[in-house]
């Protein structure tokens, strides 16, 4: 079964409802004032299937070991040990090295900023361990490109809201939301993603969502919701 995606007005109401409930989220959280954009690249990889609290610990350990730069990370022979708290450290170390090697070879942020978004996204997706979600997080938060992050939280909420159904397809949901959203407004997608994550954690839980206190209740179809508190 397929359903229609959001309209421009519907997406704006969705956004406004969440914003009124939770206020500005001020994402992406960073620790390093000297290299915040590069920290976002690193965090986007480390957060894969890992709680953010563990990512923060791993990033702090990287910062203690030297500057948070691509060259510094590539020089760490003990990179897996430094990021051990962020999950499968050997796997993620390999992914970080691939990302850093690409970043250096392509000339860093200044050179990469000259690429258009489809080309930059394509290069990110070609890197080892960089999937659609990670690529869009990097595009949005490190490069300021208007990209919708269709993560598991977005699917959960938008399925219940009535904007997604059937087998989950990342690209389909991303394109539908971007077709309804503002064309060149990265801050909108920045805030939208952060608000969706906050709402999923505070109200739209995986089981037993708190629908009565939900800011979206009036327009939500509540599809697939079996128990409402």
Protein backbone atom coordinates (compact mmCIF):
# COMPACT_ATOMS: atom_id res chain seq x y z
CA UNK A 1 0.00 0.00 0.00
CA UNK A 2 1.25 3.45 -0.88
CA UNK A 3 0.10 6.82 0.41
CA UNK A 4 0.53 10.41 -0.66
CA UNK A 5 3.43 12.30 0.86
CA UNK A 6 3.12 15.66 2.56
CA UNK A 7 1.97 18.82 0.83
CA UNK A 8 3.93 22.02 1.32
CA UNK A 9 1.27 23.36 3.67
CA UNK A 10 0.99 20.05 5.50
CA UNK A 11 4.74 19.84 6.08
CA UNK A 12 4.81 23.40 7.36
CA UNK A 13 2.00 22.63 9.83
CA UNK A 14 3.89 19.51 10.93
CA UNK A 15 7.06 21.53 11.46
CA UNK A 16 5.26 24.38 13.23
CA UNK A 17 3.50 21.95 15.58
CA UNK A 18 6.77 20.38 16.65
CA UNK A 19 8.56 23.71 16.91
CA UNK A 20 5.85 25.15 19.13
CA UNK A 21 6.06 22.09 21.36
CA UNK A 22 9.84 21.83 21.72
CA UNK A 23 11.38 25.09 20.56
CA UNK A 24 14.71 25.44 18.72
CA UNK A 25 16.97 22.39 19.10
CA UNK A 26 20.24 24.04 17.97
CA UNK A 27 21.76 20.98 16.33
CA UNK A 28 24.36 19.52 15.52
CA UNK A 29 25.94 19.33 19.02
CA UNK A 30 29.73 19.74 18.91
CA UNK A 31 32.56 19.98 21.42
CA UNK A 32 35.48 21.29 19.36
CA UNK A 33 35.30 25.06 18.80
CA UNK A 34 38.26 24.94 16.40
CA UNK A 35 36.98 22.20 14.09
CA UNK A 36 33.20 21.92 14.57
CA UNK A 37 32.41 21.06 10.96
CA UNK A 38 34.95 18.26 10.85
CA UNK A 39 33.63 16.99 14.18
CA UNK A 40 30.23 16.67 12.51
CA UNK A 41 31.73 14.39 9.85
CA UNK A 42 33.28 12.21 12.55
CA UNK A 43 30.14 12.20 14.68
CA UNK A 44 27.97 11.19 11.72
CA UNK A 45 29.99 8.00 11.36
CA UNK A 46 30.40 7.27 15.06
CA UNK A 47 26.68 7.64 15.79
CA UNK A 48 25.74 4.77 13.46
CA UNK A 49 23.80 2.28 15.64
CA UNK A 50 25.25 3.89 18.77
CA UNK A 51 23.86 6.08 21.55
CA UNK A 52 24.96 9.69 21.30
CA UNK A 53 26.38 9.66 24.84
CA UNK A 54 28.94 7.07 23.70
CA UNK A 55 29.77 9.16 20.64
CA UNK A 56 30.53 12.14 22.87
CA UNK A 57 32.92 10.03 24.92
CA UNK A 58 34.70 8.79 21.79
CA UNK A 59 35.02 12.31 20.38
CA UNK A 60 36.40 13.56 23.69
CA UNK A 61 39.03 10.82 23.59
CA UNK A 62 39.96 11.79 20.03
CA UNK A 63 40.34 15.41 21.08
CA UNK A 64 42.54 14.42 24.01
CA UNK A 65 44.78 12.51 21.59
CA UNK A 66 45.37 15.45 19.24
CA UNK A 67 43.71 18.01 16.94
CA UNK A 68 40.40 16.92 15.51
CA UNK A 69 41.50 17.00 11.87
CA UNK A 70 41.59 14.46 9.07
CA UNK A 71 45.39 14.42 9.05
CA UNK A 72 45.52 13.82 12.80
CA UNK A 73 43.03 10.96 12.68
CA UNK A 74 44.88 9.29 9.83
CA UNK A 75 48.08 9.44 11.90
CA UNK A 76 46.55 7.60 14.86
CA UNK A 77 47.77 4.01 14.84
CA UNK A 78 45.47 3.39 17.81
CA UNK A 79 42.32 4.86 16.22
CA UNK A 80 40.15 1.80 17.01
CA UNK A 81 41.09 2.02 20.70
CA UNK A 82 40.31 5.74 20.82
CA UNK A 83 36.77 5.22 19.54
CA UNK A 84 36.05 1.97 21.39
CA UNK A 85 33.11 3.46 23.30
CA UNK A 86 31.26 4.21 20.02
CA UNK A 87 30.41 0.62 19.14
CA UNK A 88 32.20 -1.73 16.71
CA UNK A 89 35.46 0.21 16.85
CA UNK A 90 37.41 -1.69 14.20
CA UNK A 91 34.60 -1.29 11.68
CA UNK A 92 34.12 2.39 12.44
CA UNK A 93 37.86 3.08 12.39
CA UNK A 94 37.97 1.72 8.84
CA UNK A 95 35.05 3.95 7.88
CA UNK A 96 36.64 7.00 9.47
CA UNK A 97 39.89 6.38 7.64
CA UNK A 98 38.08 6.12 4.32
CA UNK A 99 36.22 9.36 5.03
CA UNK A 100 39.40 11.18 6.10
CA UNK A 101 41.38 9.97 3.08
CA UNK A 102 38.63 11.20 0.76
CA UNK A 103 38.38 14.51 2.62
CA UNK A 104 42.11 15.19 2.29
CA UNK A 105 42.32 14.00 -1.33
CA UNK A 106 39.41 16.24 -2.38
CA UNK A 107 40.91 19.35 -0.80
CA UNK A 108 38.87 19.72 2.40
CA UNK A 109 35.84 21.89 3.00
CA UNK A 110 36.89 24.75 0.74
CA UNK A 111 37.16 22.56 -2.37
CA UNK A 112 34.20 20.34 -1.52
CA UNK A 113 31.97 23.39 -1.02
CA UNK A 114 32.26 24.11 -4.73
CA UNK A 115 30.56 20.83 -5.64
CA UNK A 116 26.81 20.76 -6.26
CA UNK A 117 24.74 18.74 -3.83
CA UNK A 118 23.97 15.69 -6.06
CA UNK A 119 27.66 15.29 -6.92
CA UNK A 120 28.77 15.68 -3.31
CA UNK A 121 26.13 13.24 -2.13
CA UNK A 122 27.23 10.75 -4.76
CA UNK A 123 30.83 10.90 -3.61
CA UNK A 124 29.82 10.44 0.03
CA UNK A 125 27.68 7.42 -0.85
CA UNK A 126 30.61 5.88 -2.70
CA UNK A 127 32.72 5.86 0.48
CA UNK A 128 33.09 2.75 2.59
CA UNK A 129 30.44 2.63 5.33
CA UNK A 130 28.58 5.80 4.30
CA UNK A 131 24.91 5.08 3.66
CA UNK A 132 22.06 7.40 2.76
CA UNK A 133 21.33 8.57 6.30
CA UNK A 134 24.96 9.31 7.15
CA UNK A 135 25.50 11.09 3.83
CA UNK A 136 22.47 13.33 4.38
CA UNK A 137 23.52 14.16 7.94
CA UNK A 138 26.92 15.25 6.61
CA UNK A 139 25.37 17.23 3.76
CA UNK A 140 22.95 19.01 6.07
CA UNK A 141 25.02 19.71 9.16
CA UNK A 142 28.60 19.90 7.84
CA UNK A 143 27.93 21.48 4.43
CA UNK A 144 24.68 23.36 5.04
CA UNK A 145 22.87 21.69 2.16
CA UNK A 146 19.05 21.34 2.33
CA UNK A 147 18.66 17.58 2.81
CA UNK A 148 16.01 15.60 4.66
CA UNK A 149 17.33 12.85 6.93
CA UNK A 150 14.86 9.99 6.59
CA UNK A 151 16.00 8.05 9.63
CA UNK A 152 14.07 5.47 11.65
CA UNK A 153 12.48 8.19 13.79
CA UNK A 154 11.20 9.97 10.69
CA UNK A 155 9.71 6.75 9.35
CA UNK A 156 8.03 5.96 12.66
CA UNK A 157 6.40 9.35 12.98
CA UNK A 158 5.47 9.80 9.33
CA UNK A 159 4.01 6.30 9.07
CA UNK A 160 1.77 7.03 12.02
CA UNK A 161 0.97 10.48 10.65
CA UNK A 162 -0.12 8.95 7.35
CA UNK A 163 2.67 10.09 5.05
CA UNK A 164 4.46 6.76 4.58
CA UNK A 165 3.33 3.15 4.29
CA UNK A 166 4.52 -0.24 3.12
CA UNK A 167 8.14 -1.29 2.86
CA UNK A 168 10.45 1.45 4.05
CA UNK A 169 12.30 3.14 1.22
CA UNK A 170 14.76 5.82 2.27
CA UNK A 171 15.01 7.62 -1.05
CA UNK A 172 11.27 7.69 -1.60
CA UNK A 173 10.57 9.33 1.75
CA UNK A 174 13.49 11.74 1.42
CA UNK A 175 12.40 12.91 -2.02
CA UNK A 176 8.76 13.28 -0.99
CA UNK A 177 9.62 15.47 1.97
CA UNK A 178 12.11 17.55 -0.01
CA UNK A 179 9.53 18.01 -2.79
CA UNK A 180 7.16 19.53 -0.22
CA UNK A 181 9.79 21.47 1.71
CA UNK A 182 11.56 24.74 0.92
CA UNK A 183 13.98 24.51 -1.99
CA UNK A 184 17.02 26.21 -0.48
CA UNK A 185 16.50 26.35 3.28
CA UNK A 186 19.00 24.15 5.11
CA UNK A 187 18.03 25.60 8.53
CA UNK A 188 14.49 24.28 7.98
CA UNK A 189 15.75 20.71 7.45
CA UNK A 190 18.26 21.10 10.27
CA UNK A 191 15.49 21.97 12.71
CA UNK A 192 13.02 19.47 11.23
CA UNK A 193 15.36 16.54 11.74
CA UNK A 194 16.23 17.59 15.28
CA UNK A 195 12.54 18.11 16.17
CA UNK A 196 11.62 14.69 14.79
CA UNK A 197 14.29 13.02 16.93
CA UNK A 198 13.14 14.91 20.02
CA UNK A 199 9.48 14.08 19.39
CA UNK A 200 10.24 10.39 18.84
CA UNK A 201 12.12 10.23 22.14
CA UNK A 202 9.68 12.27 24.20
CA UNK A 203 6.25 11.39 22.80
CA UNK A 204 6.14 9.14 19.72
CA UNK A 205 7.78 6.13 21.34
CA UNK A 206 8.30 2.89 19.45
CA UNK A 207 5.81 1.18 21.75
CA UNK A 208 2.99 2.85 23.67
CA UNK A 209 3.32 6.37 22.21
CA UNK A 210 2.01 9.20 24.36
CA UNK A 211 -0.61 10.33 21.86
CA UNK A 212 -2.75 12.33 24.30
CA UNK A 213 0.14 14.72 24.95
CA UNK A 214 1.26 14.82 21.32
CA UNK A 215 1.55 18.19 19.60
CA UNK A 216 0.52 16.53 16.32
CA UNK A 217 -2.48 14.64 17.66
CA UNK A 218 -5.15 16.73 15.91
CA UNK A 219 -3.86 15.82 12.43
CA UNK A 220 -2.18 12.47 13.06
CA UNK A 221 -3.83 9.39 11.54
CA UNK A 222 -2.30 7.24 14.33
CA UNK A 223 -1.73 4.41 11.85
CA UNK A 224 -0.31 1.29 13.44
CA UNK A 225 -0.77 2.62 16.96
CA UNK A 226 -2.23 -0.16 19.11
CA UNK A 227 -2.07 1.34 22.56
CA UNK A 228 -2.48 5.01 23.37
CA UNK A 229 -1.72 6.35 26.79
